[in-house]
Amino acid sequence: MLLEEIARAGKLPPRFLAQIFQKLRRHRVVSSHRGAVRGYALARPPHQITLREIFEAIEGPDFFERCVFWPQECDGRHPCCLHTRLATIRQNLRGTLEGTTLEEVTA
């Protein structure tokens, strides 16, 4: 599909979507095609792409490690007051996204 078509269907700004698709392409979630048949396609079948891959491609590999409230200040050595409480939630979220494929979400 063309980026413009995807942006229109999702009611998203094309420039914003282009940045996301660049990240997804770098992480081999989508592939881009130039020339007469240009646009984006999934790099693999949807049952082989997990939501965890998508989140980490867009947000970074430390997505499940960093604090959602104080990412610059909170870490394992200097935890915020919610750090240990959120660790379980982050672990559960990681597992859920790892076990959920793009095919399941789009079904």
Protein backbone atom coordinates (compact mmCIF):
# COMPACT_ATOMS: atom_id res chain seq x y z
CA MET A 1 0.00 0.00 0.00
CA LEU A 2 1.05 3.56 -0.51
CA LEU A 3 1.87 5.56 2.60
CA GLU A 4 -0.72 8.16 1.62
CA GLU A 5 -3.44 5.47 1.46
CA ILE A 6 -2.48 4.12 4.88
CA ALA A 7 -2.43 7.63 6.34
CA ARG A 8 -5.82 8.44 4.85
CA ALA A 9 -7.37 5.16 6.08
CA GLY A 10 -5.98 5.68 9.59
CA LYS A 11 -6.66 9.44 9.59
CA LEU A 12 -3.00 10.05 10.45
CA PRO A 13 -0.60 12.76 9.28
CA PRO A 14 1.54 11.30 6.44
CA ARG A 15 4.79 12.74 7.82
CA PHE A 16 4.16 11.19 11.23
CA LEU A 17 3.32 7.85 9.64
CA ALA A 18 6.44 8.02 7.45
CA GLN A 19 8.63 8.26 10.56
CA ILE A 20 6.93 5.22 12.08
CA PHE A 21 7.26 3.23 8.86
CA GLN A 22 10.97 4.07 8.66
CA LYS A 23 11.43 2.53 12.11
CA LEU A 24 9.35 -0.50 11.17
CA ARG A 25 11.40 -0.93 7.99
CA ARG A 26 14.70 -0.73 9.88
CA HIS A 27 13.45 -3.49 12.19
CA ARG A 28 12.27 -5.60 9.24
CA VAL A 29 8.61 -5.48 10.18
CA VAL A 30 7.67 -3.89 6.85
CA SER A 31 9.48 -3.62 3.56
CA SER A 32 9.37 -0.68 1.19
CA HIS A 33 9.20 -0.83 -2.58
CA ARG A 34 10.12 1.83 -5.10
CA GLY A 35 9.39 2.15 -8.76
CA ALA A 36 6.18 1.37 -10.63
CA VAL A 37 4.84 -0.81 -7.80
CA ARG A 38 5.82 1.35 -4.87
CA GLY A 39 4.63 1.35 -1.29
CA TYR A 40 4.90 -0.72 1.85
CA ALA A 41 4.18 -4.34 2.61
CA LEU A 42 4.63 -6.58 5.62
CA ALA A 43 8.10 -8.09 5.61
CA ARG A 44 6.75 -11.42 6.90
CA PRO A 45 3.34 -13.04 7.21
CA PRO A 46 1.22 -11.44 9.96
CA HIS A 47 1.30 -14.60 12.10
CA GLN A 48 5.10 -14.20 12.34
CA ILE A 49 5.06 -10.58 13.55
CA THR A 50 4.46 -10.01 17.26
CA LEU A 51 3.14 -6.85 18.84
CA ARG A 52 6.30 -6.78 20.95
CA GLU A 53 8.38 -6.39 17.76
CA ILE A 54 6.19 -3.51 16.65
CA PHE A 55 6.30 -1.70 20.00
CA GLU A 56 10.07 -2.12 20.35
CA ALA A 57 10.65 -0.99 16.75
CA ILE A 58 8.70 2.22 17.34
CA GLU A 59 9.53 2.98 20.98
CA GLY A 60 13.02 1.47 21.24
CA PRO A 61 14.47 -1.76 22.65
CA ASP A 62 14.27 -0.48 26.22
CA PHE A 63 10.51 0.11 25.99
CA PHE A 64 9.78 -2.53 28.65
CA GLU A 65 12.62 -1.44 30.91
CA ARG A 66 12.20 2.31 31.24
CA CYS A 67 9.89 4.09 33.62
CA VAL A 68 6.74 5.48 32.04
CA PHE A 69 6.60 8.36 34.53
CA TRP A 70 10.22 9.50 34.92
CA PRO A 71 12.27 7.81 32.14
CA GLN A 72 15.29 10.11 32.53
CA GLU A 73 15.49 9.80 36.30
CA CYS A 74 14.28 6.31 37.23
CA ASP A 75 16.30 3.14 36.74
CA GLY A 76 17.32 0.04 38.68
CA ARG A 77 19.98 1.94 40.64
CA HIS A 78 17.78 4.96 41.39
CA PRO A 79 14.20 3.65 41.32
CA CYS A 80 11.16 5.85 41.67
CA CYS A 81 8.46 4.97 44.20
CA LEU A 82 6.52 3.00 41.55
CA HIS A 83 9.48 1.18 40.00
CA THR A 84 9.07 -2.19 41.69
CA ARG A 85 5.27 -2.12 41.48
CA LEU A 86 5.39 -1.48 37.75
CA ALA A 87 8.00 -4.20 37.13
CA THR A 88 5.33 -6.90 37.28
CA ILE A 89 3.04 -4.97 34.97
CA ARG A 90 5.87 -4.42 32.47
CA GLN A 91 6.74 -8.11 32.59
CA ASN A 92 3.11 -9.13 32.00
CA LEU A 93 2.73 -6.61 29.18
CA ARG A 94 5.94 -7.85 27.53
CA GLY A 95 4.68 -11.44 27.70
CA THR A 96 1.25 -10.52 26.36
CA LEU A 97 2.69 -8.56 23.43
CA GLU A 98 5.23 -11.30 22.72
CA GLY A 99 2.43 -13.86 22.58
CA THR A 100 0.13 -11.78 20.39
CA THR A 101 0.63 -11.64 16.64
CA LEU A 102 -0.45 -9.05 14.13
CA GLU A 103 -2.72 -11.69 12.59
CA GLU A 104 -4.60 -12.08 15.88
CA VAL A 105 -5.12 -8.34 16.21
CA THR A 106 -6.42 -7.92 12.68
CA ALA A 107 -8.72 -10.99 12.79
